[in-house]
Amino acid sequence: MQRVVTAELDLELGASVDLIFSIATAQPVPLSREILTFTQGDREYTPTEIVDQSGSRLHRLTGEAGRLEVRYEAVVDGAAASIRTSDLEAITYLRPSRYCQSDEVFSQARRQFRGLGGHELIAAVSDFVSASVTYTPGLSMGTDSAVTTLMTGQGVCRDYAHVVIALLRAMDMPARYAACYAPGLRPMDFHAVAEAYHDGAWYVLDATRLADRRSLVRIATGRDAADCAFLSYHGGHVAMPHMRVDAWTVPDDADGDSVAAADEDAADDFTSLVQIA
């Protein structure tokens, strides 16, 4: 499956500022083309690329006061090879984190999912969060946690992912956060999902039910949203008057209508185990 992903960010920098972007596809996503530019008037910045242990690619630069235009486009060909998960990583993804307080939801999780494990647990947690949280753009705060979302019953994709992760960790299943491009997502934006570690592999859970898990393209992986922000900055004021994200699949067949119809018939079965390709 070929997928095209794009991102446009226009930033207004109030002074010299340290900028860290996480908008490029992760390693080892197979790319046939990739363009990433940072321009300010006639000047083009060359960022430093930093790759973490999960394959997330960060691009860092020091921007000067003024308008900075960031443009990203990549064509993804096929599926990414899996990266082996070390024992240390698995342990890390069992621990509570800033937005996924598995220790605080421990009692609820043990009552709600008593006796469940493996595939049954993954499906039950995904179904519970999907049914108990309402997707409400603009109402949740960037500092909301899994506990907050369980209390309010509302949130966006990051909030759904945090609740899923916290509940799974409370049930002794390693779980992590993944930022992705999501072809077909509406409303289109950067997307967040959870992943559960079971039988030596990571399986993706999208309790929002808004994207086809089989077409997701990984950007970053971490304990929660704090590890996967698409933009971090230090040392100055930054405003973002414009952001546009898009992602779509390219039909393998010349007859786009027949392919689209076939894809619709084979919709994502959210009870199945799926890995981010």
C-alpha atoms as a PDB file:
ATOM      1  CA  MET A   1       0.000   0.000   0.000  1.00  0.00           C
ATOM      2  CA  GLN A   2       1.407   3.391  -1.018  1.00  0.00           C
ATOM      3  CA  ARG A   3       0.561   6.369   1.181  1.00  0.00           C
ATOM      4  CA  VAL A   4       1.279  10.081   0.799  1.00  0.00           C
ATOM      5  CA  VAL A   5       1.634  12.266   3.901  1.00  0.00           C
ATOM      6  CA  THR A   6       2.072  16.032   4.129  1.00  0.00           C
ATOM      7  CA  ALA A   7       2.345  18.704   6.808  1.00  0.00           C
ATOM      8  CA  GLU A   8       2.479  22.506   6.634  1.00  0.00           C
ATOM      9  CA  LEU A   9       3.346  24.631   9.668  1.00  0.00           C
ATOM     10  CA  ASP A  10       3.792  28.405   9.636  1.00  0.00           C
ATOM     11  CA  LEU A  11       5.352  29.752  12.834  1.00  0.00           C
ATOM     12  CA  GLU A  12       5.815  33.305  14.065  1.00  0.00           C
ATOM     13  CA  LEU A  13       8.964  33.437  16.190  1.00  0.00           C
ATOM     14  CA  GLY A  14       9.225  36.319  18.654  1.00  0.00           C
ATOM     15  CA  ALA A  15      12.981  35.896  19.131  1.00  0.00           C
ATOM     16  CA  SER A  16      15.761  33.371  18.648  1.00  0.00           C
ATOM     17  CA  VAL A  17      14.273  30.052  19.779  1.00  0.00           C
ATOM     18  CA  ASP A  18      15.284  26.396  19.987  1.00  0.00           C
ATOM     19  CA  LEU A  19      12.771  24.385  17.914  1.00  0.00           C
ATOM     20  CA  ILE A  20      12.296  20.602  17.934  1.00  0.00           C
ATOM     21  CA  PHE A  21       9.963  19.044  15.358  1.00  0.00           C
ATOM     22  CA  SER A  22       8.530  15.542  15.230  1.00  0.00           C
ATOM     23  CA  ILE A  23       6.647  15.481  11.924  1.00  0.00           C
ATOM     24  CA  ALA A  24       8.802  13.181   9.770  1.00  0.00           C
ATOM     25  CA  THR A  25       7.947   9.502   9.459  1.00  0.00           C
ATOM     26  CA  ALA A  26       9.790   7.219  11.853  1.00  0.00           C
ATOM     27  CA  GLN A  27      12.540   4.771  11.025  1.00  0.00           C
ATOM     28  CA  PRO A  28      12.318   2.252   9.393  1.00  0.00           C
ATOM     29  CA  VAL A  29       9.239   3.422   7.426  1.00  0.00           C
ATOM     30  CA  PRO A  30      10.104   2.724   3.734  1.00  0.00           C
ATOM     31  CA  LEU A  31      10.093   5.950   1.717  1.00  0.00           C
ATOM     32  CA  SER A  32      10.365   6.430  -2.030  1.00  0.00           C
ATOM     33  CA  ARG A  33      10.433  10.219  -1.633  1.00  0.00           C
ATOM     34  CA  GLU A  34      10.783  12.661   1.253  1.00  0.00           C
ATOM     35  CA  ILE A  35      11.064  16.446   1.370  1.00  0.00           C
ATOM     36  CA  LEU A  36      11.463  18.456   4.592  1.00  0.00           C
ATOM     37  CA  THR A  37      12.184  22.191   4.415  1.00  0.00           C
ATOM     38  CA  PHE A  38      12.498  25.017   6.939  1.00  0.00           C
ATOM     39  CA  THR A  39      12.510  28.436   5.247  1.00  0.00           C
ATOM     40  CA  GLN A  40      12.503  31.996   6.499  1.00  0.00           C
ATOM     41  CA  GLY A  41      12.429  34.475   3.621  1.00  0.00           C
ATOM     42  CA  ASP A  42      15.476  33.654   1.469  1.00  0.00           C
ATOM     43  CA  ARG A  43      17.086  31.583   4.198  1.00  0.00           C
ATOM     44  CA  GLU A  44      16.750  27.799   4.426  1.00  0.00           C
ATOM     45  CA  TYR A  45      17.691  26.080   7.693  1.00  0.00           C
ATOM     46  CA  THR A  46      19.433  22.719   7.860  1.00  0.00           C
ATOM     47  CA  PRO A  47      18.218  20.937  11.001  1.00  0.00           C
ATOM     48  CA  THR A  48      20.026  18.373  13.088  1.00  0.00           C
ATOM     49  CA  GLU A  49      18.304  14.972  12.960  1.00  0.00           C
ATOM     50  CA  ILE A  50      18.124  12.961  16.180  1.00  0.00           C
ATOM     51  CA  VAL A  51      16.757   9.396  16.195  1.00  0.00           C
ATOM     52  CA  ASP A  52      15.630   7.785  19.451  1.00  0.00           C
ATOM     53  CA  GLN A  53      15.594   4.099  20.417  1.00  0.00           C
ATOM     54  CA  SER A  54      12.076   3.624  18.992  1.00  0.00           C
ATOM     55  CA  GLY A  55      12.974   5.100  15.610  1.00  0.00           C
ATOM     56  CA  SER A  56      11.292   8.482  16.162  1.00  0.00           C
ATOM     57  CA  ARG A  57      13.095  11.189  14.148  1.00  0.00           C
ATOM     58  CA  LEU A  58      13.441  14.637  15.715  1.00  0.00           C
ATOM     59  CA  HIS A  59      14.618  17.657  13.719  1.00  0.00           C
ATOM     60  CA  ARG A  60      16.168  20.465  15.733  1.00  0.00           C
ATOM     61  CA  LEU A  61      17.180  23.989  14.746  1.00  0.00           C
ATOM     62  CA  THR A  62      17.553  27.465  16.190  1.00  0.00           C
ATOM     63  CA  GLY A  63      15.139  29.829  14.447  1.00  0.00           C
ATOM     64  CA  GLU A  64      15.444  33.593  14.428  1.00  0.00           C
ATOM     65  CA  ALA A  65      12.672  36.149  14.931  1.00  0.00           C
ATOM     66  CA  GLY A  66      10.188  36.226  12.068  1.00  0.00           C
ATOM     67  CA  ARG A  67       8.001  33.853  10.083  1.00  0.00           C
ATOM     68  CA  LEU A  68       9.274  30.289   9.641  1.00  0.00           C
ATOM     69  CA  GLU A  69       7.602  28.046   7.056  1.00  0.00           C
ATOM     70  CA  VAL A  70       7.877  24.287   7.579  1.00  0.00           C
ATOM     71  CA  ARG A  71       6.901  21.907   4.781  1.00  0.00           C
ATOM     72  CA  TYR A  72       6.975  18.107   4.812  1.00  0.00           C
ATOM     73  CA  GLU A  73       5.968  15.556   2.198  1.00  0.00           C
ATOM     74  CA  ALA A  74       6.721  11.849   1.995  1.00  0.00           C
ATOM     75  CA  VAL A  75       5.622   8.912  -0.122  1.00  0.00           C
ATOM     76  CA  VAL A  76       5.504   5.658   1.845  1.00  0.00           C
ATOM     77  CA  ASP A  77       5.957   2.398  -0.050  1.00  0.00           C
ATOM     78  CA  GLY A  78       4.925  -0.798   1.696  1.00  0.00           C
ATOM     79  CA  ALA A  79       5.181  -1.756   5.342  1.00  0.00           C
ATOM     80  CA  ALA A  80       7.885  -0.899   7.852  1.00  0.00           C
ATOM     81  CA  ALA A  81      10.034  -3.607   9.381  1.00  0.00           C
ATOM     82  CA  SER A  82       9.416  -4.116  13.088  1.00  0.00           C
ATOM     83  CA  ILE A  83      12.007  -2.992  15.638  1.00  0.00           C
ATOM     84  CA  ARG A  84      12.771  -5.483  18.403  1.00  0.00           C
ATOM     85  CA  THR A  85      11.494  -4.420  21.804  1.00  0.00           C
ATOM     86  CA  SER A  86      14.037  -4.793  24.585  1.00  0.00           C
ATOM     87  CA  ASP A  87      13.186  -5.967  28.091  1.00  0.00           C
ATOM     88  CA  LEU A  88      13.959  -2.452  29.340  1.00  0.00           C
ATOM     89  CA  GLU A  89      11.434  -0.894  26.937  1.00  0.00           C
ATOM     90  CA  ALA A  90       8.761  -3.371  27.955  1.00  0.00           C
ATOM     91  CA  ILE A  91       9.341  -2.508  31.607  1.00  0.00           C
ATOM     92  CA  THR A  92       9.233   1.234  30.839  1.00  0.00           C
ATOM     93  CA  TYR A  93       5.841   0.831  29.171  1.00  0.00           C
ATOM     94  CA  LEU A  94       4.448  -0.889  32.262  1.00  0.00           C
ATOM     95  CA  ARG A  95       5.126   2.117  34.499  1.00  0.00           C
ATOM     96  CA  PRO A  96       2.831   5.088  35.156  1.00  0.00           C
ATOM     97  CA  SER A  97       3.699   8.215  33.172  1.00  0.00           C
ATOM     98  CA  ARG A  98       2.660  11.862  33.217  1.00  0.00           C
ATOM     99  CA  TYR A  99      -0.595  11.468  31.253  1.00  0.00           C
ATOM    100  CA  CYS A 100      -1.167   7.740  31.840  1.00  0.00           C
ATOM    101  CA  GLN A 101      -1.486   7.278  35.594  1.00  0.00           C
ATOM    102  CA  SER A 102      -1.975   3.526  35.643  1.00  0.00           C
ATOM    103  CA  ASP A 103      -1.475   3.531  39.421  1.00  0.00           C
ATOM    104  CA  GLU A 104      -4.464   5.860  39.881  1.00  0.00           C
ATOM    105  CA  VAL A 105      -6.806   3.766  37.688  1.00  0.00           C
ATOM    106  CA  PHE A 106      -5.538   0.432  39.056  1.00  0.00           C
ATOM    107  CA  SER A 107      -8.628  -0.384  41.117  1.00  0.00           C
ATOM    108  CA  GLN A 108     -11.054   0.523  38.331  1.00  0.00           C
ATOM    109  CA  ALA A 109      -9.138  -1.517  35.772  1.00  0.00           C
ATOM    110  CA  ARG A 110      -8.966  -4.570  38.040  1.00  0.00           C
ATOM    111  CA  ARG A 111     -12.724  -4.450  38.632  1.00  0.00           C
ATOM    112  CA  GLN A 112     -13.629  -3.679  35.021  1.00  0.00           C
ATOM    113  CA  PHE A 113     -11.385  -6.238  33.309  1.00  0.00           C
ATOM    114  CA  ARG A 114     -10.971  -8.933  35.970  1.00  0.00           C
ATOM    115  CA  GLY A 115      -9.908 -12.283  34.522  1.00  0.00           C
ATOM    116  CA  LEU A 116      -9.104 -10.930  31.047  1.00  0.00           C
ATOM    117  CA  GLY A 117      -5.737 -11.135  29.299  1.00  0.00           C
ATOM    118  CA  GLY A 118      -4.175 -11.154  25.858  1.00  0.00           C
ATOM    119  CA  HIS A 119      -6.464 -10.488  22.881  1.00  0.00           C
ATOM    120  CA  GLU A 120      -9.584 -10.449  25.084  1.00  0.00           C
ATOM    121  CA  LEU A 121      -8.139  -7.723  27.276  1.00  0.00           C
ATOM    122  CA  ILE A 122      -7.030  -5.619  24.306  1.00  0.00           C
ATOM    123  CA  ALA A 123     -10.498  -5.815  22.721  1.00  0.00           C
ATOM    124  CA  ALA A 124     -12.318  -5.151  26.002  1.00  0.00           C
ATOM    125  CA  VAL A 125     -10.274  -2.047  26.854  1.00  0.00           C
ATOM    126  CA  SER A 126     -10.675  -0.646  23.337  1.00  0.00           C
ATOM    127  CA  ASP A 127     -14.447  -1.209  23.403  1.00  0.00           C
ATOM    128  CA  PHE A 128     -14.819   0.282  26.882  1.00  0.00           C
ATOM    129  CA  VAL A 129     -12.943   3.487  26.054  1.00  0.00           C
ATOM    130  CA  SER A 130     -14.722   3.847  22.719  1.00  0.00           C
ATOM    131  CA  ALA A 131     -18.094   3.617  24.447  1.00  0.00           C
ATOM    132  CA  SER A 132     -17.323   5.751  27.511  1.00  0.00           C
ATOM    133  CA  VAL A 133     -15.523   8.733  25.916  1.00  0.00           C
ATOM    134  CA  THR A 134     -17.132  11.192  23.490  1.00  0.00           C
ATOM    135  CA  TYR A 135     -14.957  12.747  20.774  1.00  0.00           C
ATOM    136  CA  THR A 136     -15.152  16.507  21.441  1.00  0.00           C
ATOM    137  CA  PRO A 137     -12.617  18.667  19.552  1.00  0.00           C
ATOM    138  CA  GLY A 138     -11.751  21.916  21.290  1.00  0.00           C
ATOM    139  CA  LEU A 139     -12.995  21.031  24.763  1.00  0.00           C
ATOM    140  CA  SER A 140     -10.101  19.030  26.193  1.00  0.00           C
ATOM    141  CA  MET A 141      -6.908  20.713  27.369  1.00  0.00           C
ATOM    142  CA  GLY A 142      -3.358  19.832  26.371  1.00  0.00           C
ATOM    143  CA  THR A 143      -2.660  18.994  30.017  1.00  0.00           C
ATOM    144  CA  ASP A 144      -5.599  16.581  30.409  1.00  0.00           C
ATOM    145  CA  SER A 145      -4.613  13.103  31.579  1.00  0.00           C
ATOM    146  CA  ALA A 146      -6.227   9.680  31.490  1.00  0.00           C
ATOM    147  CA  VAL A 147      -7.761  10.368  34.903  1.00  0.00           C
ATOM    148  CA  THR A 148      -9.223  13.675  33.708  1.00  0.00           C
ATOM    149  CA  THR A 149     -10.687  12.055  30.590  1.00  0.00           C
ATOM    150  CA  LEU A 150     -12.279   9.233  32.587  1.00  0.00           C
ATOM    151  CA  MET A 151     -13.929  11.843  34.836  1.00  0.00           C
ATOM    152  CA  THR A 152     -15.168  14.141  32.050  1.00  0.00           C
ATOM    153  CA  GLY A 153     -15.956  11.464  29.449  1.00  0.00           C
ATOM    154  CA  GLN A 154     -14.748  13.657  26.617  1.00  0.00           C
ATOM    155  CA  GLY A 155     -11.590  14.264  24.642  1.00  0.00           C
ATOM    156  CA  VAL A 156      -9.708  13.937  21.383  1.00  0.00           C
ATOM    157  CA  CYS A 157      -7.478  11.176  20.031  1.00  0.00           C
ATOM    158  CA  ARG A 158      -4.616  11.806  22.482  1.00  0.00           C
ATOM    159  CA  ASP A 159      -7.059  11.506  25.388  1.00  0.00           C
ATOM    160  CA  TYR A 160      -8.513   8.223  24.123  1.00  0.00           C
ATOM    161  CA  ALA A 161      -4.985   6.851  23.733  1.00  0.00           C
ATOM    162  CA  HIS A 162      -4.000   7.915  27.251  1.00  0.00           C
ATOM    163  CA  VAL A 163      -6.995   6.157  28.829  1.00  0.00           C
ATOM    164  CA  VAL A 164      -6.341   2.951  26.857  1.00  0.00           C
ATOM    165  CA  ILE A 165      -2.656   2.974  27.851  1.00  0.00           C
ATOM    166  CA  ALA A 166      -3.356   3.629  31.538  1.00  0.00           C
ATOM    167  CA  LEU A 167      -5.915   0.813  31.759  1.00  0.00           C
ATOM    168  CA  LEU A 168      -3.699  -1.698  29.960  1.00  0.00           C
ATOM    169  CA  ARG A 169      -0.696  -0.897  32.155  1.00  0.00           C
ATOM    170  CA  ALA A 170      -2.894  -1.267  35.225  1.00  0.00           C
ATOM    171  CA  MET A 171      -3.640  -4.803  33.954  1.00  0.00           C
ATOM    172  CA  ASP A 172       0.101  -5.564  33.623  1.00  0.00           C
ATOM    173  CA  MET A 173       0.184  -5.286  29.829  1.00  0.00           C
ATOM    174  CA  PRO A 174       2.902  -2.963  28.415  1.00  0.00           C
ATOM    175  CA  ALA A 175       1.310  -0.138  26.439  1.00  0.00           C
ATOM    176  CA  ARG A 176       2.674   2.868  24.609  1.00  0.00           C
ATOM    177  CA  TYR A 177       1.622   5.967  22.653  1.00  0.00           C
ATOM    178  CA  ALA A 178       2.102   6.443  18.913  1.00  0.00           C
ATOM    179  CA  ALA A 179       1.721   9.636  16.880  1.00  0.00           C
ATOM    180  CA  CYS A 180       0.748   8.911  13.275  1.00  0.00           C
ATOM    181  CA  TYR A 181      -0.404  10.147   9.928  1.00  0.00           C
ATOM    182  CA  ALA A 182      -3.849   8.630   9.342  1.00  0.00           C
ATOM    183  CA  PRO A 183      -5.165   8.464   5.763  1.00  0.00           C
ATOM    184  CA  GLY A 184      -8.929   8.991   5.700  1.00  0.00           C
ATOM    185  CA  LEU A 185      -9.071  10.610   9.152  1.00  0.00           C
ATOM    186  CA  ARG A 186     -11.845  13.173   9.569  1.00  0.00           C
ATOM    187  CA  PRO A 187     -11.248  15.780  10.803  1.00  0.00           C
ATOM    188  CA  MET A 188      -7.734  15.475   9.352  1.00  0.00           C
ATOM    189  CA  ASP A 189      -4.884  16.182  11.757  1.00  0.00           C
ATOM    190  CA  PHE A 190      -1.956  14.439  13.361  1.00  0.00           C
ATOM    191  CA  HIS A 191      -3.459  11.334  14.960  1.00  0.00           C
ATOM    192  CA  ALA A 192      -2.691   9.483  18.198  1.00  0.00           C
ATOM    193  CA  VAL A 193      -3.277   5.824  19.000  1.00  0.00           C
ATOM    194  CA  ALA A 194      -2.255   3.322  21.668  1.00  0.00           C
ATOM    195  CA  GLU A 195      -0.251   0.137  21.210  1.00  0.00           C
ATOM    196  CA  ALA A 196      -0.361  -2.975  23.412  1.00  0.00           C
ATOM    197  CA  TYR A 197       2.525  -5.434  23.728  1.00  0.00           C
ATOM    198  CA  HIS A 198       1.290  -9.010  23.492  1.00  0.00           C
ATOM    199  CA  ASP A 199       3.114 -12.209  22.529  1.00  0.00           C
ATOM    200  CA  GLY A 200       6.241 -10.305  21.433  1.00  0.00           C
ATOM    201  CA  ALA A 201       4.481  -7.838  19.101  1.00  0.00           C
ATOM    202  CA  TRP A 202       2.856  -4.399  19.317  1.00  0.00           C
ATOM    203  CA  TYR A 203      -0.816  -4.147  18.346  1.00  0.00           C
ATOM    204  CA  VAL A 204      -2.551  -0.840  17.679  1.00  0.00           C
ATOM    205  CA  LEU A 205      -5.758   0.278  19.403  1.00  0.00           C
ATOM    206  CA  ASP A 206      -7.734   3.269  18.129  1.00  0.00           C
ATOM    207  CA  ALA A 207     -10.655   3.730  20.491  1.00  0.00           C
ATOM    208  CA  THR A 208     -11.827   6.796  18.506  1.00  0.00           C
ATOM    209  CA  ARG A 209     -12.718   4.470  15.606  1.00  0.00           C
ATOM    210  CA  LEU A 210     -11.937   7.404  13.286  1.00  0.00           C
ATOM    211  CA  ALA A 211      -9.105   5.917  11.200  1.00  0.00           C
ATOM    212  CA  ASP A 212      -8.275   2.646   9.460  1.00  0.00           C
ATOM    213  CA  ARG A 213      -5.474   1.173  11.566  1.00  0.00           C
ATOM    214  CA  ARG A 214      -4.063  -0.686   8.546  1.00  0.00           C
ATOM    215  CA  SER A 215      -3.110   2.541   6.765  1.00  0.00           C
ATOM    216  CA  LEU A 216      -1.463   4.388   9.675  1.00  0.00           C
ATOM    217  CA  VAL A 217       2.057   5.777   9.213  1.00  0.00           C
ATOM    218  CA  ARG A 218       4.150   6.078  12.364  1.00  0.00           C
ATOM    219  CA  ILE A 219       5.739   9.411  13.289  1.00  0.00           C
ATOM    220  CA  ALA A 220       6.807   8.950  16.904  1.00  0.00           C
ATOM    221  CA  THR A 221       6.536   6.497  19.788  1.00  0.00           C
ATOM    222  CA  GLY A 222       6.693   7.119  23.524  1.00  0.00           C
ATOM    223  CA  ARG A 223       5.209   6.725  26.986  1.00  0.00           C
ATOM    224  CA  ASP A 224       2.489   9.310  26.284  1.00  0.00           C
ATOM    225  CA  ALA A 225       1.929  12.590  24.429  1.00  0.00           C
ATOM    226  CA  ALA A 226       4.773  14.271  26.327  1.00  0.00           C
ATOM    227  CA  ASP A 227       7.238  12.112  24.345  1.00  0.00           C
ATOM    228  CA  CYS A 228       5.570  12.641  20.957  1.00  0.00           C
ATOM    229  CA  ALA A 229       4.743  16.349  20.576  1.00  0.00           C
ATOM    230  CA  PHE A 230       4.964  17.473  16.942  1.00  0.00           C
ATOM    231  CA  LEU A 231       6.590  20.726  18.108  1.00  0.00           C
ATOM    232  CA  SER A 232       8.577  21.624  21.210  1.00  0.00           C
ATOM    233  CA  TYR A 233      10.356  24.940  21.727  1.00  0.00           C
ATOM    234  CA  HIS A 234      12.580  26.567  24.329  1.00  0.00           C
ATOM    235  CA  GLY A 235      13.891  30.077  24.868  1.00  0.00           C
ATOM    236  CA  GLY A 236      11.341  32.272  23.121  1.00  0.00           C
ATOM    237  CA  HIS A 237       7.750  32.942  22.076  1.00  0.00           C
ATOM    238  CA  VAL A 238       6.215  30.918  19.204  1.00  0.00           C
ATOM    239  CA  ALA A 239       2.809  31.384  17.570  1.00  0.00           C
ATOM    240  CA  MET A 240       1.390  29.113  14.859  1.00  0.00           C
ATOM    241  CA  PRO A 241      -1.075  30.955  12.593  1.00  0.00           C
ATOM    242  CA  HIS A 242      -1.299  28.099  10.092  1.00  0.00           C
ATOM    243  CA  MET A 243      -1.162  24.315  10.229  1.00  0.00           C
ATOM    244  CA  ARG A 244      -2.390  21.805   7.679  1.00  0.00           C
ATOM    245  CA  VAL A 245      -1.948  18.020   7.785  1.00  0.00           C
ATOM    246  CA  ASP A 246      -3.047  15.547   5.126  1.00  0.00           C
ATOM    247  CA  ALA A 247      -2.618  11.865   4.339  1.00  0.00           C
ATOM    248  CA  TRP A 248      -4.095   9.582   1.720  1.00  0.00           C
ATOM    249  CA  THR A 249      -3.619   6.178   0.136  1.00  0.00           C
ATOM    250  CA  VAL A 250      -2.768   5.698  -3.531  1.00  0.00           C
ATOM    251  CA  PRO A 251      -4.842   2.947  -5.233  1.00  0.00           C
ATOM    252  CA  ASP A 252      -2.782  -0.033  -6.384  1.00  0.00           C
ATOM    253  CA  ASP A 253      -5.174  -0.456  -9.312  1.00  0.00           C
ATOM    254  CA  ALA A 254      -5.712   2.010 -12.140  1.00  0.00           C
ATOM    255  CA  ASP A 255      -9.459   1.775 -11.529  1.00  0.00           C
ATOM    256  CA  GLY A 256      -9.697   3.950  -8.439  1.00  0.00           C
ATOM    257  CA  ASP A 257     -13.466   3.482  -8.074  1.00  0.00           C
ATOM    258  CA  SER A 258     -13.260  -0.293  -7.860  1.00  0.00           C
ATOM    259  CA  VAL A 259     -10.425  -0.090  -5.339  1.00  0.00           C
ATOM    260  CA  ALA A 260     -12.299   2.410  -3.199  1.00  0.00           C
ATOM    261  CA  ALA A 261     -15.372   0.185  -3.213  1.00  0.00           C
ATOM    262  CA  ALA A 262     -13.313  -2.844  -2.240  1.00  0.00           C
ATOM    263  CA  ASP A 263     -11.657  -0.926   0.608  1.00  0.00           C
ATOM    264  CA  GLU A 264     -15.032   0.217   1.918  1.00  0.00           C
ATOM    265  CA  ASP A 265     -16.313  -3.367   1.948  1.00  0.00           C
ATOM    266  CA  ALA A 266     -13.208  -4.474   3.853  1.00  0.00           C
ATOM    267  CA  ALA A 267     -13.503  -1.904   6.654  1.00  0.00           C
ATOM    268  CA  ASP A 268     -11.228  -2.124   9.653  1.00  0.00           C
ATOM    269  CA  ASP A 269     -12.455  -4.750  12.093  1.00  0.00           C
ATOM    270  CA  PHE A 270     -11.624  -3.128  15.420  1.00  0.00           C
ATOM    271  CA  THR A 271     -11.831  -6.471  17.236  1.00  0.00           C
ATOM    272  CA  SER A 272      -8.887  -7.837  15.254  1.00  0.00           C
ATOM    273  CA  LEU A 273      -5.192  -7.563  16.107  1.00  0.00           C
ATOM    274  CA  VAL A 274      -3.476  -5.104  13.766  1.00  0.00           C
ATOM    275  CA  GLN A 275       0.066  -3.703  13.751  1.00  0.00           C
ATOM    276  CA  ILE A 276       1.062  -0.273  12.457  1.00  0.00           C
ATOM    277  CA  ALA A 277       2.472  -0.994   9.003  1.00  0.00           C
END
